[in-house]
PDB file of N, CA and C in Angstrom:
ATOM      1  N   LEU A   1       0.854  -1.200   0.000  1.00  0.00           N
ATOM      2  CA  LEU A   1       0.000   0.000   0.000  1.00  0.00           C
ATOM      3  C   LEU A   1       0.884   1.242   0.000  1.00  0.00           C
ATOM      4  N   ASP A   2       0.700   2.099  -0.978  1.00  0.00           N
ATOM      5  CA  ASP A   2       1.506   3.308  -1.084  1.00  0.00           C
ATOM      6  C   ASP A   2       0.878   4.410  -0.238  1.00  0.00           C
ATOM      7  N   ALA A   3       1.601   4.863   0.771  1.00  0.00           N
ATOM      8  CA  ALA A   3       1.061   5.849   1.702  1.00  0.00           C
ATOM      9  C   ALA A   3       0.732   7.165   1.001  1.00  0.00           C
ATOM     10  N   GLU A   4       1.491   7.492  -0.043  1.00  0.00           N
ATOM     11  CA  GLU A   4       1.261   8.758  -0.741  1.00  0.00           C
ATOM     12  C   GLU A   4      -0.071   8.752  -1.481  1.00  0.00           C
ATOM     13  N   ASN A   5      -0.547   7.568  -1.849  1.00  0.00           N
ATOM     14  CA  ASN A   5      -1.796   7.469  -2.596  1.00  0.00           C
ATOM     15  C   ASN A   5      -2.999   7.255  -1.680  1.00  0.00           C
ATOM     16  N   CYS A   6      -2.759   7.197  -0.373  1.00  0.00           N
ATOM     17  CA  CYS A   6      -3.849   6.971   0.578  1.00  0.00           C
ATOM     18  C   CYS A   6      -4.522   8.305   0.872  1.00  0.00           C
ATOM     19  N   THR A   7      -5.636   8.550   0.196  1.00  0.00           N
ATOM     20  CA  THR A   7      -6.310   9.844   0.342  1.00  0.00           C
ATOM     21  C   THR A   7      -7.631   9.727   1.096  1.00  0.00           C
ATOM     22  N   GLU A   8      -7.923   8.539   1.643  1.00  0.00           N
ATOM     23  CA  GLU A   8      -9.155   8.382   2.417  1.00  0.00           C
ATOM     24  C   GLU A   8      -9.076   9.200   3.698  1.00  0.00           C
ATOM     25  N   GLU A   9     -10.220   9.354   4.362  1.00  0.00           N
ATOM     26  CA  GLU A   9     -10.260  10.117   5.605  1.00  0.00           C
ATOM     27  C   GLU A   9      -9.270   9.506   6.596  1.00  0.00           C
ATOM     28  N   PRO A  10      -8.248  10.252   7.000  1.00  0.00           N
ATOM     29  CA  PRO A  10      -7.171   9.681   7.807  1.00  0.00           C
ATOM     30  C   PRO A  10      -7.581   9.335   9.233  1.00  0.00           C
ATOM     31  N   PHE A  11      -8.673   9.931   9.711  1.00  0.00           N
ATOM     32  CA  PHE A  11      -9.051   9.730  11.111  1.00  0.00           C
ATOM     33  C   PHE A  11     -10.105   8.641  11.289  1.00  0.00           C
ATOM     34  N   ARG A  12     -10.629   8.109  10.186  1.00  0.00           N
ATOM     35  CA  ARG A  12     -11.745   7.173  10.284  1.00  0.00           C
ATOM     36  C   ARG A  12     -11.356   5.913  11.054  1.00  0.00           C
ATOM     37  N   HIS A  13     -10.136   5.417  10.788  1.00  0.00           N
ATOM     38  CA  HIS A  13      -9.717   4.155  11.397  1.00  0.00           C
ATOM     39  C   HIS A  13      -8.651   4.362  12.467  1.00  0.00           C
ATOM     40  N   THR A  14      -8.491   5.605  12.916  1.00  0.00           N
ATOM     41  CA  THR A  14      -7.484   5.887  13.927  1.00  0.00           C
ATOM     42  C   THR A  14      -7.946   5.354  15.283  1.00  0.00           C
ATOM     43  N   PRO A  15      -7.141   4.495  15.924  1.00  0.00           N
ATOM     44  CA  PRO A  15      -7.520   3.922  17.227  1.00  0.00           C
ATOM     45  C   PRO A  15      -7.316   4.914  18.361  1.00  0.00           C
ATOM     46  N   ILE A  16      -8.350   5.661  18.672  1.00  0.00           N
ATOM     47  CA  ILE A  16      -8.263   6.651  19.743  1.00  0.00           C
ATOM     48  C   ILE A  16      -9.053   6.126  20.939  1.00  0.00           C
ATOM     49  N   ASN A  17      -8.414   6.098  22.110  1.00  0.00           N
ATOM     50  CA  ASN A  17      -9.095   5.603  23.303  1.00  0.00           C
ATOM     51  C   ASN A  17     -10.230   6.527  23.717  1.00  0.00           C
ATOM     52  N   SER A  18      -9.987   7.809  23.655  1.00  0.00           N
ATOM     53  CA  SER A  18     -11.007   8.776  24.056  1.00  0.00           C
ATOM     54  C   SER A  18     -11.168   9.824  22.969  1.00  0.00           C
ATOM     55  N   ILE A  19     -12.397  10.132  22.644  1.00  0.00           N
ATOM     56  CA  ILE A  19     -12.671  11.153  21.642  1.00  0.00           C
ATOM     57  C   ILE A  19     -13.558  12.210  22.272  1.00  0.00           C
ATOM     58  N   ILE A  20     -13.095  13.449  22.232  1.00  0.00           N
ATOM     59  CA  ILE A  20     -13.911  14.553  22.732  1.00  0.00           C
ATOM     60  C   ILE A  20     -14.240  15.444  21.546  1.00  0.00           C
ATOM     61  N   ARG A  21     -15.530  15.643  21.311  1.00  0.00           N
ATOM     62  CA  ARG A  21     -15.897  16.471  20.167  1.00  0.00           C
ATOM     63  C   ARG A  21     -17.032  17.400  20.572  1.00  0.00           C
ATOM     64  N   SER A  22     -17.098  18.541  19.923  1.00  0.00           N
ATOM     65  CA  SER A  22     -18.178  19.480  20.197  1.00  0.00           C
ATOM     66  C   SER A  22     -19.412  19.057  19.422  1.00  0.00           C
ATOM     67  N   SER A  23     -20.543  19.069  20.065  1.00  0.00           N
ATOM     68  CA  SER A  23     -21.787  18.749  19.380  1.00  0.00           C
ATOM     69  C   SER A  23     -22.444  20.042  18.915  1.00  0.00           C
ATOM     70  N   THR A  24     -23.541  19.917  18.193  1.00  0.00           N
ATOM     71  CA  THR A  24     -24.207  21.093  17.635  1.00  0.00           C
ATOM     72  C   THR A  24     -24.852  21.951  18.720  1.00  0.00           C
ATOM     73  N   THR A  25     -25.043  21.393  19.920  1.00  0.00           N
ATOM     74  CA  THR A  25     -25.681  22.145  20.997  1.00  0.00           C
ATOM     75  C   THR A  25     -24.679  22.979  21.769  1.00  0.00           C
ATOM     76  N   GLY A  26     -23.378  22.834  21.463  1.00  0.00           N
ATOM     77  CA  GLY A  26     -22.363  23.560  22.207  1.00  0.00           C
ATOM     78  C   GLY A  26     -21.890  22.786  23.417  1.00  0.00           C
ATOM     79  N   LYS A  27     -22.550  21.659  23.691  1.00  0.00           N
ATOM     80  CA  LYS A  27     -22.098  20.797  24.772  1.00  0.00           C
ATOM     81  C   LYS A  27     -20.909  19.984  24.277  1.00  0.00           C
ATOM     82  N   VAL A  28     -20.293  19.227  25.169  1.00  0.00           N
ATOM     83  CA  VAL A  28     -19.170  18.386  24.775  1.00  0.00           C
ATOM     84  C   VAL A  28     -19.557  16.934  24.998  1.00  0.00           C
ATOM     85  N   ASP A  29     -19.501  16.137  23.933  1.00  0.00           N
ATOM     86  CA  ASP A  29     -19.785  14.713  24.056  1.00  0.00           C
ATOM     87  C   ASP A  29     -18.482  13.983  24.332  1.00  0.00           C
ATOM     88  N   VAL A  30     -18.458  13.166  25.364  1.00  0.00           N
ATOM     89  CA  VAL A  30     -17.251  12.428  25.708  1.00  0.00           C
ATOM     90  C   VAL A  30     -17.485  10.952  25.433  1.00  0.00           C
ATOM     91  N   TYR A  31     -16.589  10.374  24.657  1.00  0.00           N
ATOM     92  CA  TYR A  31     -16.692   8.962  24.325  1.00  0.00           C
ATOM     93  C   TYR A  31     -15.413   8.250  24.733  1.00  0.00           C
ATOM     94  N   ASP A  32     -15.515   6.967  25.053  1.00  0.00           N
ATOM     95  CA  ASP A  32     -14.326   6.137  25.184  1.00  0.00           C
ATOM     96  C   ASP A  32     -14.631   4.816  24.500  1.00  0.00           C
ATOM     97  N   GLN A  33     -13.804   3.791  24.727  1.00  0.00           N
ATOM     98  CA  GLN A  33     -14.006   2.520  24.055  1.00  0.00           C
ATOM     99  C   GLN A  33     -15.311   1.849  24.471  1.00  0.00           C
ATOM    100  N   GLY A  34     -15.858   2.266  25.611  1.00  0.00           N
ATOM    101  CA  GLY A  34     -17.123   1.709  26.063  1.00  0.00           C
ATOM    102  C   GLY A  34     -18.320   2.399  25.450  1.00  0.00           C
ATOM    103  N   GLY A  35     -18.060   3.440  24.656  1.00  0.00           N
ATOM    104  CA  GLY A  35     -19.153   4.166  24.029  1.00  0.00           C
ATOM    105  C   GLY A  35     -19.422   5.488  24.711  1.00  0.00           C
ATOM    106  N   PHE A  36     -20.650   5.952  24.567  1.00  0.00           N
ATOM    107  CA  PHE A  36     -21.036   7.255  25.115  1.00  0.00           C
ATOM    108  C   PHE A  36     -20.972   7.249  26.633  1.00  0.00           C
ATOM    109  N   ILE A  37     -20.345   8.237  27.212  1.00  0.00           N
ATOM    110  CA  ILE A  37     -20.291   8.348  28.669  1.00  0.00           C
ATOM    111  C   ILE A  37     -21.313   9.362  29.164  1.00  0.00           C
ATOM    112  N   LYS A  38     -21.152  10.602  28.776  1.00  0.00           N
ATOM    113  CA  LYS A  38     -21.955  11.663  29.366  1.00  0.00           C
ATOM    114  C   LYS A  38     -21.804  12.921  28.528  1.00  0.00           C
ATOM    115  N   ILE A  39     -22.801  13.771  28.570  1.00  0.00           N
ATOM    116  CA  ILE A  39     -22.683  15.083  27.938  1.00  0.00           C
ATOM    117  C   ILE A  39     -22.303  16.082  29.022  1.00  0.00           C
ATOM    118  N   LEU A  40     -21.147  16.702  28.842  1.00  0.00           N
ATOM    119  CA  LEU A  40     -20.650  17.623  29.848  1.00  0.00           C
ATOM    120  C   LEU A  40     -21.141  19.033  29.564  1.00  0.00           C
ATOM    121  N   GLY A  41     -21.208  19.836  30.605  1.00  0.00           N
ATOM    122  CA  GLY A  41     -21.607  21.226  30.438  1.00  0.00           C
ATOM    123  C   GLY A  41     -20.617  21.971  29.558  1.00  0.00           C
ATOM    124  N   SER A  42     -21.127  22.968  28.846  1.00  0.00           N
ATOM    125  CA  SER A  42     -20.291  23.683  27.892  1.00  0.00           C
ATOM    126  C   SER A  42     -19.358  24.680  28.576  1.00  0.00           C
ATOM    127  N   SER A  43     -19.718  25.122  29.766  1.00  0.00           N
ATOM    128  CA  SER A  43     -18.863  26.092  30.440  1.00  0.00           C
ATOM    129  C   SER A  43     -17.704  25.379  31.131  1.00  0.00           C
ATOM    130  N   GLN A  44     -16.610  26.099  31.322  1.00  0.00           N
ATOM    131  CA  GLN A  44     -15.420  25.501  31.916  1.00  0.00           C
ATOM    132  C   GLN A  44     -15.694  25.059  33.353  1.00  0.00           C
ATOM    133  N   GLU A  45     -16.470  25.844  34.087  1.00  0.00           N
ATOM    134  CA  GLU A  45     -16.783  25.498  35.472  1.00  0.00           C
ATOM    135  C   GLU A  45     -17.633  24.232  35.533  1.00  0.00           C
ATOM    136  N   GLU A  46     -18.664  24.164  34.686  1.00  0.00           N
ATOM    137  CA  GLU A  46     -19.500  22.966  34.639  1.00  0.00           C
ATOM    138  C   GLU A  46     -18.666  21.763  34.237  1.00  0.00           C
ATOM    139  N   PHE A  47     -17.779  21.986  33.258  1.00  0.00           N
ATOM    140  CA  PHE A  47     -16.924  20.905  32.780  1.00  0.00           C
ATOM    141  C   PHE A  47     -16.077  20.352  33.923  1.00  0.00           C
ATOM    142  N   LYS A  48     -15.463  21.238  34.701  1.00  0.00           N
ATOM    143  CA  LYS A  48     -14.619  20.823  35.822  1.00  0.00           C
ATOM    144  C   LYS A  48     -15.433  20.066  36.861  1.00  0.00           C
ATOM    145  N   ASN A  49     -16.628  20.568  37.162  1.00  0.00           N
ATOM    146  CA  ASN A  49     -17.493  19.910  38.137  1.00  0.00           C
ATOM    147  C   ASN A  49     -17.898  18.520  37.677  1.00  0.00           C
ATOM    148  N   GLU A  50     -18.201  18.379  36.383  1.00  0.00           N
ATOM    149  CA  GLU A  50     -18.593  17.079  35.845  1.00  0.00           C
ATOM    150  C   GLU A  50     -17.439  16.090  35.921  1.00  0.00           C
ATOM    151  N   ILE A  51     -16.224  16.566  35.620  1.00  0.00           N
ATOM    152  CA  ILE A  51     -15.043  15.702  35.693  1.00  0.00           C
ATOM    153  C   ILE A  51     -14.833  15.222  37.124  1.00  0.00           C
ATOM    154  N   GLU A  52     -14.967  16.134  38.092  1.00  0.00           N
ATOM    155  CA  GLU A  52     -14.828  15.764  39.500  1.00  0.00           C
ATOM    156  C   GLU A  52     -15.883  14.735  39.898  1.00  0.00           C
ATOM    157  N   ALA A  53     -17.114  14.921  39.413  1.00  0.00           N
ATOM    158  CA  ALA A  53     -18.190  13.986  39.727  1.00  0.00           C
ATOM    159  C   ALA A  53     -17.892  12.604  39.153  1.00  0.00           C
ATOM    160  N   LEU A  54     -17.336  12.573  37.942  1.00  0.00           N
ATOM    161  CA  LEU A  54     -16.999  11.291  37.323  1.00  0.00           C
ATOM    162  C   LEU A  54     -15.865  10.603  38.075  1.00  0.00           C
ATOM    163  N   LYS A  55     -14.919  11.389  38.583  1.00  0.00           N
ATOM    164  CA  LYS A  55     -13.791  10.826  39.333  1.00  0.00           C
ATOM    165  C   LYS A  55     -14.269  10.166  40.619  1.00  0.00           C
ATOM    166  N   GLU A  56     -15.301  10.747  41.228  1.00  0.00           N
ATOM    167  CA  GLU A  56     -15.780  10.250  42.515  1.00  0.00           C
ATOM    168  C   GLU A  56     -16.537   8.943  42.384  1.00  0.00           C
ATOM    169  N   LYS A  57     -17.025   8.635  41.179  1.00  0.00           N
ATOM    170  CA  LYS A  57     -17.803   7.416  40.987  1.00  0.00           C
ATOM    171  C   LYS A  57     -16.907   6.187  41.039  1.00  0.00           C
TER     172      LYS A  57
END
């Protein structure tokens, strides 16, 4: 396979343990290998609080 000729979407098959992406609502969807975890608040303070809550579980 010639790497120079590989023009497919480079991220489609990338093995990423955790993917954080912005959704259309402005919230942040957090995924890991287990699938959808939680929708975190869009503000930095809410985000920090949600992370702390997840750590405590």
